[in-house]
Protein backbone atom coordinates (compact mmCIF):
# COMPACT_ATOMS: atom_id res chain seq x y z
CA MET A 1 -82.61 -127.40 -93.71
CA ALA A 2 -86.10 -127.35 -92.18
CA LEU A 3 -87.87 -129.69 -92.25
CA ALA A 4 -92.10 -129.22 -93.44
CA ALA A 5 -94.82 -131.80 -92.95
CA LEU A 6 -95.83 -133.96 -96.13
CA LEU A 7 -99.22 -133.89 -96.73
CA ALA A 8 -102.56 -136.02 -98.00
CA GLY A 9 -105.49 -134.50 -99.31
CA CYS A 10 -108.82 -135.74 -98.37
CA THR A 11 -110.70 -137.22 -101.35
CA GLY A 12 -113.59 -136.09 -102.34
CA GLY A 13 -115.76 -135.84 -106.13
CA ALA A 14 -116.52 -132.39 -107.72
CA ALA A 15 -118.47 -129.57 -105.78
CA PRO A 16 -122.26 -130.06 -106.81
CA GLY A 17 -122.84 -127.06 -109.60
CA ALA A 18 -119.15 -125.75 -109.87
CA GLU A 19 -116.59 -126.01 -113.04
CA SER A 20 -112.80 -125.88 -111.80
CA SER A 21 -111.38 -122.58 -113.91
CA ALA A 22 -108.26 -125.33 -114.25
CA GLY A 23 -109.87 -128.12 -115.36
CA ALA A 24 -108.25 -130.97 -117.64
CA THR A 25 -106.92 -128.58 -120.26
CA LYS A 26 -104.60 -127.18 -117.58
CA ASN A 27 -105.56 -123.89 -119.12
CA THR A 28 -106.09 -120.98 -115.89
CA LEU A 29 -105.28 -121.97 -112.56
CA THR A 30 -107.01 -119.55 -110.28
CA LEU A 31 -106.58 -119.11 -106.36
CA ALA A 32 -107.71 -117.17 -103.95
CA MET A 33 -105.44 -114.62 -101.78
CA SER A 34 -106.37 -113.56 -98.35
CA ALA A 35 -104.66 -110.36 -98.09
CA ASP A 36 -103.07 -108.18 -101.31
CA ILE A 37 -99.62 -108.40 -102.23
CA THR A 38 -97.72 -106.01 -101.08
CA GLY A 39 -95.86 -104.22 -103.91
CA TRP A 40 -93.17 -105.61 -106.17
CA ASP A 41 -89.94 -104.68 -104.34
CA PRO A 42 -87.74 -107.71 -104.54
CA SER A 43 -87.17 -107.17 -100.53
CA ASN A 44 -90.28 -107.14 -99.50
CA GLN A 45 -91.72 -110.61 -100.18
CA PRO A 46 -93.04 -112.68 -97.90
CA GLY A 47 -93.01 -116.19 -98.29
CA TYR A 48 -96.68 -117.03 -96.91
CA GLN A 49 -99.12 -117.04 -100.16
CA GLY A 50 -95.91 -115.83 -102.26
CA TRP A 51 -97.49 -117.29 -105.87
CA GLY A 52 -97.12 -113.79 -106.96
CA PRO A 53 -93.29 -113.53 -106.63
CA GLU A 54 -93.15 -116.89 -107.05
CA ALA A 55 -94.57 -116.74 -111.04
CA ILE A 56 -92.08 -113.74 -111.56
CA TRP A 57 -89.24 -113.85 -109.90
CA ASP A 58 -86.86 -117.24 -110.17
CA SER A 59 -84.03 -117.07 -107.21
CA LEU A 60 -80.46 -118.33 -107.42
CA ILE A 61 -81.31 -122.03 -105.95
CA LYS A 62 -84.63 -122.64 -104.15
CA CYS A 63 -85.21 -124.62 -101.24
CA ASP A 64 -87.28 -127.67 -101.32
CA ALA A 65 -89.19 -128.90 -98.02
CA PHE A 66 -86.13 -129.97 -96.08
CA GLY A 67 -84.35 -126.87 -96.64
CA LYS A 68 -81.74 -129.08 -99.09
CA PRO A 69 -81.01 -126.71 -102.00
CA GLU A 70 -82.53 -127.43 -105.89
CA ALA A 71 -81.33 -125.63 -109.36
CA ASP A 72 -83.00 -122.53 -110.35
CA ILE A 73 -80.79 -120.23 -112.03
CA ALA A 74 -77.83 -121.50 -111.00
CA ASP A 75 -77.22 -124.98 -112.11
CA LYS A 76 -74.19 -126.08 -110.30
CA TRP A 77 -73.08 -124.80 -106.69
CA THR A 78 -70.41 -125.25 -103.90
CA VAL A 79 -70.10 -124.27 -100.32
CA SER A 80 -66.81 -123.61 -99.21
CA ALA A 81 -65.00 -125.57 -96.53
CA ASP A 82 -65.49 -122.63 -93.91
CA GLY A 83 -69.12 -121.85 -94.54
CA LYS A 84 -68.57 -118.20 -95.61
CA SER A 85 -68.71 -119.02 -99.01
CA PHE A 86 -71.26 -119.84 -102.16
CA THR A 87 -69.99 -120.37 -105.71
CA ALA A 88 -72.43 -120.94 -108.22
CA HIS A 89 -72.84 -120.97 -112.20
CA ILE A 90 -75.43 -119.66 -113.64
CA ARG A 91 -77.03 -121.66 -116.43
CA GLU A 92 -76.67 -119.82 -119.74
CA GLY A 93 -79.69 -118.57 -121.86
CA GLN A 94 -82.04 -117.29 -119.40
CA LYS A 95 -83.57 -113.95 -119.88
CA PHE A 96 -85.50 -111.55 -118.00
CA SER A 97 -89.16 -110.24 -119.02
CA ASP A 98 -87.39 -107.09 -120.15
CA GLY A 99 -85.26 -108.78 -122.55
CA THR A 100 -82.00 -108.63 -120.83
CA PRO A 101 -79.86 -112.33 -120.14
CA VAL A 102 -79.72 -113.53 -116.24
CA ASP A 103 -76.26 -112.83 -115.62
CA SER A 104 -73.64 -112.56 -112.68
CA ALA A 105 -74.62 -109.01 -112.46
CA ALA A 106 -77.93 -109.16 -112.11
CA VAL A 107 -77.66 -111.73 -109.44
CA ALA A 108 -74.75 -109.62 -107.39
CA ALA A 109 -76.78 -106.59 -107.58
CA SER A 110 -79.85 -108.16 -106.59
CA PHE A 111 -77.75 -109.35 -103.42
CA GLN A 112 -76.14 -106.48 -102.77
CA TYR A 113 -79.81 -105.14 -102.84
CA LEU A 114 -80.71 -106.82 -99.55
CA THR A 115 -77.93 -105.16 -97.36
CA SER A 116 -79.98 -102.01 -97.38
CA HIS A 117 -83.60 -103.07 -98.53
CA GLY A 118 -85.93 -105.23 -96.68
CA GLY A 119 -86.76 -106.92 -93.43
CA SER A 120 -83.65 -109.42 -93.40
CA GLN A 121 -80.88 -107.03 -94.04
CA GLY A 122 -78.97 -108.37 -91.11
CA ASP A 123 -78.78 -111.87 -93.30
CA TYR A 124 -76.47 -110.05 -95.62
CA LYS A 125 -74.52 -107.55 -93.82
CA GLY A 126 -70.64 -107.30 -94.49
CA LEU A 127 -71.96 -110.08 -97.69
CA LYS A 128 -69.02 -109.22 -100.55
CA THR A 129 -69.72 -110.53 -104.28
CA ASP A 130 -67.15 -111.79 -106.93
CA ALA A 131 -68.46 -111.98 -110.57
CA PRO A 132 -65.16 -112.88 -112.70
CA ASP A 133 -67.41 -113.43 -116.25
CA ALA A 134 -71.16 -113.42 -116.89
CA GLN A 135 -71.78 -117.10 -115.82
CA ASN A 136 -70.04 -117.48 -112.46
CA ILE A 137 -70.63 -116.11 -109.15
CA THR A 138 -69.46 -116.01 -105.73
CA LEU A 139 -71.00 -115.06 -102.75
CA THR A 140 -68.75 -114.18 -99.20
CA TRP A 141 -69.96 -113.46 -95.76
CA PRO A 142 -67.70 -112.58 -92.95
CA GLU A 143 -68.47 -114.92 -91.22
CA ALA A 144 -69.42 -118.80 -91.18
CA GLN A 145 -73.34 -119.00 -92.36
CA PRO A 146 -74.34 -122.15 -90.43
CA MET A 147 -77.83 -121.59 -93.03
CA ILE A 148 -75.97 -120.28 -96.12
CA ILE A 149 -78.02 -122.72 -98.63
CA ASN A 150 -81.48 -120.79 -96.73
CA ARG A 151 -79.30 -117.59 -97.26
CA VAL A 152 -79.26 -118.13 -100.57
CA CYS A 153 -82.73 -119.69 -101.46
CA ASN A 154 -84.43 -116.68 -100.78
CA PRO A 155 -83.34 -113.56 -102.36
CA LYS A 156 -85.53 -112.94 -105.86
CA ILE A 157 -83.41 -112.28 -108.73
CA THR A 158 -83.98 -108.99 -110.80
CA THR A 159 -82.31 -106.64 -113.03
CA LYS A 160 -79.15 -104.20 -112.07
CA ALA A 161 -81.06 -101.34 -114.06
CA LEU A 162 -84.58 -101.61 -112.25
CA LEU A 163 -82.69 -102.16 -108.75
CA ASP A 164 -80.58 -98.71 -109.55
CA SER A 165 -83.94 -96.72 -111.13
CA GLY A 166 -85.68 -96.92 -107.32
CA LYS A 167 -89.19 -97.62 -108.96
CA VAL A 168 -88.89 -101.16 -107.89
CA ASN A 169 -92.89 -100.97 -106.77
CA ASP A 170 -94.21 -100.22 -110.20
CA LYS A 171 -93.57 -103.12 -112.31
CA PRO A 172 -91.93 -106.37 -111.61
CA VAL A 173 -89.16 -107.56 -113.47
CA GLY A 174 -88.07 -111.13 -113.56
CA SER A 175 -86.96 -114.75 -115.27
CA GLY A 176 -89.51 -116.81 -113.16
CA PRO A 177 -92.05 -119.23 -114.84
CA TYR A 178 -94.65 -116.28 -115.27
CA VAL A 179 -94.99 -112.68 -116.26
CA LEU A 180 -97.44 -110.01 -115.05
CA ASP A 181 -100.21 -109.00 -117.56
CA GLU A 182 -100.33 -105.48 -116.76
CA THR A 183 -103.52 -105.33 -118.88
CA ALA A 184 -105.35 -108.19 -116.89
CA THR A 185 -104.50 -106.71 -113.83
CA THR A 186 -105.81 -104.17 -111.29
CA ARG A 187 -104.22 -103.97 -108.02
CA GLY A 188 -105.91 -104.75 -105.03
CA SER A 189 -108.13 -106.57 -106.70
CA VAL A 190 -106.83 -109.23 -109.49
CA TYR A 191 -103.58 -110.18 -110.79
CA THR A 192 -103.12 -111.97 -113.79
CA PHE A 193 -99.99 -113.79 -115.16
CA THR A 194 -98.77 -115.49 -118.60
CA LYS A 195 -96.52 -118.38 -118.89
CA ASN A 196 -93.15 -117.78 -119.74
CA GLU A 197 -92.79 -120.61 -122.16
CA SER A 198 -89.12 -120.33 -122.56
CA HIS A 199 -88.75 -120.56 -118.71
CA TRP A 200 -85.79 -123.38 -118.04
CA ASN A 201 -88.10 -125.32 -115.92
CA THR A 202 -91.66 -125.19 -118.13
CA ALA A 203 -92.83 -128.16 -117.34
CA ALA A 204 -93.09 -127.71 -113.47
CA TYR A 205 -95.65 -125.29 -114.20
CA PRO A 206 -98.41 -126.88 -116.57
CA TYR A 207 -100.84 -123.76 -116.66
CA LYS A 208 -101.02 -121.48 -119.35
CA LYS A 209 -102.28 -118.77 -117.37
CA LEU A 210 -102.49 -117.68 -113.51
CA VAL A 211 -104.88 -115.74 -111.54
CA LEU A 212 -104.74 -114.42 -108.31
CA LYS A 213 -107.75 -113.20 -106.60
CA VAL A 214 -107.86 -110.93 -103.42
CA ILE A 215 -110.64 -111.97 -101.46
CA GLU A 216 -110.05 -110.88 -97.91
CA SER A 217 -113.51 -112.30 -96.54
CA GLU A 218 -113.05 -116.32 -95.83
CA THR A 219 -116.87 -117.00 -96.36
CA ALA A 220 -116.46 -115.29 -99.52
CA ARG A 221 -113.66 -117.28 -100.66
CA VAL A 222 -115.09 -120.27 -99.75
CA SER A 223 -118.32 -119.45 -101.74
CA ALA A 224 -115.75 -118.90 -104.48
CA LEU A 225 -114.04 -121.74 -103.89
CA LYS A 226 -118.09 -124.22 -103.87
CA THR A 227 -119.22 -122.27 -107.78
CA GLY A 228 -115.55 -122.75 -109.22
CA GLN A 229 -114.57 -119.44 -109.45
CA VAL A 230 -111.44 -120.42 -107.83
CA ASP A 231 -109.25 -123.43 -107.59
CA GLY A 232 -107.89 -123.03 -104.16
CA SER A 233 -107.70 -121.11 -100.75
CA LEU A 234 -106.38 -120.98 -97.57
CA ILE A 235 -109.32 -122.04 -95.04
CA THR A 236 -109.13 -122.07 -91.13
CA ALA A 237 -110.76 -124.29 -89.12
CA ALA A 238 -114.46 -122.84 -89.03
CA SER A 239 -114.47 -123.64 -93.13
CA TYR A 240 -113.13 -126.92 -92.69
CA ASN A 241 -116.21 -129.00 -92.13
CA GLU A 242 -118.21 -127.13 -94.62
CA VAL A 243 -115.57 -127.27 -97.09
CA GLU A 244 -114.92 -130.71 -96.74
CA ALA A 245 -118.84 -131.87 -97.14
CA SER A 246 -118.85 -130.09 -100.11
CA GLY A 247 -116.44 -132.50 -102.13
CA LEU A 248 -113.63 -130.15 -102.14
CA ASN A 249 -109.98 -131.62 -101.60
CA VAL A 250 -108.28 -130.49 -98.21
CA VAL A 251 -104.50 -130.67 -97.54
CA THR A 252 -103.58 -130.98 -93.75
CA MET A 253 -100.33 -128.67 -92.83
CA GLN A 254 -98.30 -128.26 -89.37
CA GLY A 255 -96.16 -125.51 -89.67
CA GLN A 256 -97.12 -122.98 -87.20
CA THR A 257 -97.77 -121.38 -83.87
CA THR A 258 -99.76 -118.65 -82.81
CA ARG A 259 -98.02 -116.60 -80.10
CA LEU A 260 -97.81 -112.86 -79.03
CA LEU A 261 -93.62 -111.93 -79.30
CA LEU A 262 -93.12 -109.54 -76.16
CA THR A 263 -89.62 -108.45 -77.84
CA ASP A 264 -89.13 -105.64 -75.69
CA HIS A 265 -87.56 -107.56 -72.91
CA LEU A 266 -85.47 -104.58 -71.64
CA GLY A 267 -88.75 -102.39 -71.44
CA LYS A 268 -87.30 -99.48 -73.54
CA GLU A 269 -90.38 -98.90 -75.63
CA VAL A 270 -93.05 -99.98 -73.21
CA PRO A 271 -91.50 -100.50 -69.66
CA ALA A 272 -93.83 -103.20 -68.12
CA LEU A 273 -92.51 -105.72 -70.74
CA GLY A 274 -89.01 -104.66 -68.96
CA SER A 275 -90.46 -106.95 -66.20
CA LEU A 276 -90.41 -110.70 -65.87
CA LYS A 277 -93.64 -111.16 -63.76
CA VAL A 278 -95.35 -109.28 -66.29
CA ARG A 279 -94.28 -111.54 -69.16
CA GLN A 280 -95.08 -114.47 -67.08
CA ALA A 281 -98.58 -112.97 -66.19
CA ILE A 282 -99.41 -112.38 -69.93
CA ASN A 283 -98.38 -116.01 -70.66
CA MET A 284 -100.96 -117.18 -67.63
CA VAL A 285 -103.98 -115.34 -69.11
CA PHE A 286 -104.75 -117.57 -71.93
CA ASP A 287 -106.70 -120.82 -71.73
CA ARG A 288 -105.20 -122.37 -74.41
CA ASP A 289 -107.56 -125.30 -74.35
CA ALA A 290 -110.49 -123.60 -74.83
CA MET A 291 -108.80 -121.24 -77.72
CA VAL A 292 -107.98 -124.56 -79.37
CA LYS A 293 -111.44 -126.11 -78.87
CA ASN A 294 -113.64 -122.41 -79.40
CA LEU A 295 -111.32 -120.54 -81.75
CA TYR A 296 -109.76 -123.37 -83.92
CA GLN A 297 -113.11 -125.81 -83.49
CA GLY A 298 -110.60 -128.46 -82.26
CA HIS A 299 -107.82 -128.36 -85.11
CA GLY A 300 -104.61 -128.04 -83.15
CA LYS A 301 -102.88 -128.37 -80.12
CA PRO A 302 -102.34 -126.28 -76.93
CA ALA A 303 -98.12 -124.39 -77.38
CA TYR A 304 -96.53 -124.55 -74.83
CA GLN A 305 -93.00 -123.45 -76.54
CA ILE A 306 -92.57 -122.30 -80.08
CA PHE A 307 -90.62 -124.97 -81.92
CA ARG A 308 -92.13 -127.38 -83.80
CA PRO A 309 -92.81 -130.44 -82.30
CA GLY A 310 -89.85 -132.83 -83.83
CA SER A 311 -87.18 -130.32 -84.57
CA ASP A 312 -83.85 -130.31 -82.53
CA ALA A 313 -85.05 -127.29 -79.81
CA TYR A 314 -88.51 -128.94 -79.39
CA ILE A 315 -88.49 -130.58 -75.66
CA ASP A 316 -91.04 -133.78 -75.46
CA GLY A 317 -93.10 -134.18 -73.04
CA MET A 318 -92.55 -130.78 -71.29
CA ALA A 319 -95.58 -129.44 -68.98
CA ASP A 320 -97.28 -126.03 -69.25
CA PRO A 321 -95.08 -123.53 -67.70
CA TYR A 322 -97.50 -120.80 -67.22
CA PRO A 323 -100.75 -122.73 -66.52
CA PHE A 324 -103.90 -120.60 -67.09
CA ASP A 325 -104.58 -118.82 -63.68
CA VAL A 326 -105.92 -115.61 -64.33
CA THR A 327 -106.29 -114.77 -60.20
CA LYS A 328 -102.31 -115.56 -60.17
CA ALA A 329 -101.60 -113.31 -62.94
CA LYS A 330 -103.30 -110.50 -61.70
CA ALA A 331 -101.24 -111.08 -58.30
CA LEU A 332 -97.77 -111.12 -60.82
CA MET A 333 -99.00 -107.94 -62.06
CA ALA A 334 -99.66 -105.88 -58.83
CA GLU A 335 -96.27 -107.47 -57.32
CA ALA A 336 -94.51 -106.13 -60.66
CA GLY A 337 -96.37 -102.41 -59.68
CA TYR A 338 -98.54 -102.58 -62.97
CA ALA A 339 -101.97 -103.59 -61.15
CA SER A 340 -103.70 -101.08 -63.03
CA GLY A 341 -102.13 -102.33 -66.40
CA PHE A 342 -100.67 -100.17 -69.11
CA ASP A 343 -101.92 -99.63 -72.87
CA LEU A 344 -100.05 -101.51 -75.58
CA SER A 345 -100.87 -101.34 -79.32
CA LEU A 346 -101.10 -104.61 -81.19
CA PRO A 347 -100.86 -104.46 -85.25
CA THR A 348 -103.72 -106.12 -87.31
CA MET A 349 -103.31 -107.57 -90.73
CA ALA A 350 -105.80 -109.03 -93.26
CA GLY A 351 -105.43 -112.89 -93.85
CA GLN A 352 -103.77 -113.24 -90.66
CA ASN A 353 -106.89 -114.89 -88.47
CA HIS A 354 -106.89 -111.49 -86.94
CA GLU A 355 -110.21 -111.09 -86.65
CA THR A 356 -111.14 -114.40 -84.82
CA LEU A 357 -108.14 -114.24 -82.51
CA MET A 358 -107.91 -110.71 -81.50
CA PRO A 359 -111.10 -110.24 -79.79
CA TYR A 360 -109.91 -112.93 -77.20
CA VAL A 361 -106.35 -111.86 -76.67
CA THR A 362 -107.83 -108.31 -76.10
CA GLN A 363 -110.61 -109.64 -73.53
CA GLN A 364 -107.83 -111.48 -71.77
CA LEU A 365 -105.54 -108.83 -71.40
CA GLY A 366 -108.28 -106.52 -70.61
CA LEU A 367 -108.03 -109.13 -67.68
CA LEU A 368 -105.11 -107.81 -66.18
CA GLY A 369 -105.72 -103.84 -67.11
CA ILE A 370 -103.76 -104.08 -70.46
CA LYS A 371 -105.46 -101.50 -72.66
CA VAL A 372 -105.42 -102.64 -76.28
CA LYS A 373 -105.22 -100.53 -79.05
CA GLN A 374 -105.47 -102.23 -82.54
CA VAL A 375 -103.55 -100.75 -85.37
CA PRO A 376 -104.93 -101.43 -89.10
CA LEU A 377 -101.53 -101.62 -91.29
CA SER A 378 -102.07 -102.81 -95.23
CA GLY A 379 -100.40 -101.44 -98.16
CA ALA A 380 -97.30 -102.05 -100.01
CA ASN A 381 -95.39 -101.01 -96.69
CA ALA A 382 -96.85 -103.25 -94.35
CA ILE A 383 -94.43 -105.54 -93.86
CA ASP A 384 -91.78 -103.02 -93.24
CA ASP A 385 -94.05 -101.28 -90.44
CA LEU A 386 -94.59 -104.74 -88.62
CA LEU A 387 -90.96 -105.81 -88.89
CA SER A 388 -89.48 -101.82 -87.94
CA GLY A 389 -89.77 -102.21 -83.86
CA THR A 390 -92.94 -99.30 -83.92
CA TYR A 391 -94.90 -102.49 -82.56
CA PRO A 392 -92.73 -103.91 -79.60
CA VAL A 393 -95.66 -106.99 -79.11
CA VAL A 394 -97.45 -108.45 -82.63
CA LEU A 395 -100.10 -111.36 -82.49
CA TRP A 396 -99.52 -113.64 -85.06
CA GLN A 397 -99.45 -116.95 -86.39
CA LEU A 398 -95.81 -117.39 -87.14
CA GLY A 399 -94.49 -120.17 -89.20
CA ASN A 400 -92.31 -122.10 -87.65
CA PHE A 401 -89.48 -124.59 -89.38
CA GLY A 402 -88.52 -128.43 -89.24
CA GLN A 403 -84.79 -127.12 -88.68
CA SER A 404 -85.14 -124.67 -85.46
CA LEU A 405 -81.89 -123.37 -86.16
CA LEU A 406 -84.02 -121.31 -88.30
CA ASP A 407 -86.18 -120.42 -86.18
CA ILE A 408 -83.41 -119.30 -83.42
CA ASP A 409 -81.74 -117.36 -85.98
CA ILE A 410 -84.81 -115.18 -87.12
CA VAL A 411 -87.48 -115.02 -83.77
CA VAL A 412 -84.73 -115.58 -81.04
CA ARG A 413 -81.28 -113.91 -82.05
CA SER A 414 -81.00 -109.94 -81.87
CA THR A 415 -79.93 -110.18 -85.38
CA GLY A 416 -83.29 -111.63 -86.15
CA TYR A 417 -86.06 -109.93 -88.05
CA TRP A 418 -88.60 -110.93 -86.21
CA ASN A 419 -86.82 -110.59 -82.98
CA LEU A 420 -88.86 -107.20 -83.44
CA GLU A 421 -86.41 -104.77 -80.96
CA HIS A 422 -83.22 -106.42 -81.44
CA GLN A 423 -82.30 -106.15 -78.06
CA PRO A 424 -78.78 -108.47 -77.64
CA ASP A 425 -78.93 -110.89 -74.67
CA ALA A 426 -75.39 -112.81 -73.77
CA THR A 427 -77.07 -115.66 -72.62
CA VAL A 428 -78.29 -116.86 -75.98
CA ASP A 429 -75.07 -115.12 -77.59
CA GLY A 430 -73.13 -117.53 -75.43
CA LEU A 431 -75.05 -120.75 -76.40
CA TRP A 432 -75.28 -119.75 -80.00
CA LYS A 433 -71.48 -119.80 -80.19
CA LYS A 434 -71.66 -123.22 -78.98
CA ILE A 435 -74.11 -123.88 -82.09
CA LEU A 436 -71.51 -122.46 -84.58
CA THR A 437 -68.46 -124.66 -82.77
CA GLY A 438 -69.66 -127.56 -81.14
CA ASP A 439 -70.58 -131.25 -82.27
CA GLU A 440 -74.00 -132.10 -83.29
CA ALA A 441 -75.12 -133.45 -79.66
CA THR A 442 -73.77 -129.61 -78.61
CA ARG A 443 -75.87 -128.07 -81.07
CA LYS A 444 -78.86 -130.08 -80.00
CA THR A 445 -78.18 -129.41 -76.41
CA ALA A 446 -77.48 -125.96 -77.34
CA GLN A 447 -80.68 -125.37 -78.86
CA GLN A 448 -82.73 -126.85 -76.23
CA ASP A 449 -81.40 -124.88 -73.05
CA ILE A 450 -82.22 -121.92 -75.68
CA ASN A 451 -85.61 -123.03 -75.79
CA LYS A 452 -85.60 -123.44 -72.07
CA TYR A 453 -84.48 -119.95 -71.72
CA VAL A 454 -86.51 -117.99 -73.61
CA ILE A 455 -89.42 -119.76 -71.62
CA GLU A 456 -87.80 -119.08 -68.20
CA GLN A 457 -87.88 -115.45 -70.03
CA ALA A 458 -91.48 -115.56 -71.21
CA TRP A 459 -90.02 -113.59 -74.05
CA PHE A 460 -93.08 -115.57 -76.18
CA ALA A 461 -96.64 -116.09 -75.44
CA PRO A 462 -97.23 -118.66 -77.50
CA MET A 463 -100.98 -120.16 -77.48
CA VAL A 464 -101.81 -123.03 -80.11
CA ASN A 465 -100.41 -125.20 -82.64
CA PRO A 466 -103.15 -124.80 -85.21
CA ASP A 467 -103.63 -127.25 -88.15
CA GLY A 468 -103.52 -125.11 -91.67
CA PHE A 469 -105.80 -126.05 -94.46
CA TYR A 470 -105.58 -125.72 -97.84
CA ALA A 471 -108.60 -126.42 -100.18
CA HIS A 472 -108.70 -126.69 -103.72
CA SER A 473 -110.98 -128.29 -106.34
CA PRO A 474 -110.53 -132.29 -107.11
CA ASP A 475 -109.19 -130.89 -110.60
CA VAL A 476 -106.05 -129.86 -108.97
CA LYS A 477 -103.58 -132.22 -107.84
CA ILE A 478 -101.22 -131.52 -104.71
CA ASP A 479 -99.04 -134.05 -103.81
CA HIS A 480 -97.18 -132.29 -101.10
CA VAL A 481 -96.26 -128.92 -100.10
CA SER A 482 -92.86 -127.77 -100.97
CA ASP A 483 -92.88 -124.83 -98.55
CA HIS A 484 -90.08 -125.51 -95.46
CA GLU A 485 -92.44 -123.43 -93.51
CA ALA A 486 -95.33 -125.78 -94.04
CA LEU A 487 -97.84 -122.84 -94.25
CA THR A 488 -98.95 -123.18 -97.96
CA PRO A 489 -98.14 -124.52 -101.31
CA LYS A 490 -95.76 -123.45 -103.29
CA LEU A 491 -96.69 -122.70 -106.45
CA ARG A 492 -94.96 -125.56 -108.33
CA ASP A 493 -96.94 -127.78 -105.73
CA PHE A 494 -99.99 -127.16 -108.10
CA LYS A 495 -100.51 -129.66 -111.20
């Protein structure tokens, strides 16, 4: 369902003096993470740098780079003609790390857990499960689900006993390709995993040990790459030339749009945001071309819409609807009655390039009298806090999908977890009904109409479509990236 970019790595020899921890023996794969793991609650696991969750947990099925289903816990499945039900057969012989069998009761409990936990509860509202025996299960939603495959791909499967205990953050229990080695793990610093030799697809994971090192500083991550302390890391454009010159390989990904999400369209939390002119002024105060040149060193393109180029919602050839014009932006603020600006809290989080972006964004908003207070988020509740609605405006390099229906559902619709204030809109709801009931041409037109509408209403301030970079040792092979958001290689992509 989601079209991720296929990639090609730059060629190069080994970094001088470096000894990869992977090597030809495929003994240990060591990856740097720019942010800490947010705990072990299976409902609170973002896919971005999600190698720990991918190591621990399997899902009922997996989604490939195009959003198409692949086998995982389930070896066979069907979708009902009305699009409401997903029926799966669970392969036999699988066990969780605590020795209990992977069965329909565990799958049912894991899906039911999502109806009341995590940021995507709306995706599972009203979900019913039917498990006639240990190996078969049917998941049924009250309404047709255009993205039912995606709904089934995402949940991590754990045991009912763990979920019932309420101690989900203490110790993970899963059936994935690796098991957490607590004796070699220090939270916030290093996480070590040993291979689960009884995993059903063990051949897809060639390394005997996985080590994740939390290194928030990009300078430190690049140094660790160059000296062979880690085998791979996300990097930004600022480090691209240095990394490439060091003989490391670089995979390029296009799957993000840097943007401000202005989700309080009705002005309930921040009254000024209820004014279209204020939202338009915010869009006009950012020099997108300068951002590409100076903040991303030319590795990206100015963004005028939030959808990925090539997706159904994307509008080719669109001119900048809000050209950079500080004078006009100030005039719009005055016309809206906010010539003196207003106060705004913006959350920050490690690993999201905020250290580079936030100074510029704060400076430019300051030209409109908008006084920014930065609020650092960290720890196990950071993602929950971010998505809680406490912060109606968020600066984020948010991934976007090749299948724009997913973006509309997650970011634009009032039920989406990235629509932080969840404010209903009749126009979006009406166009969504056309998507649900129309033919292919009607669906595409409705998606583009939604795109035009959110641009006209300035629900977002898109800035840049940056190139994403993953640098890795030449001893590690990454032929393609399976992530349907094209943000990072998946654990199964490291060979």
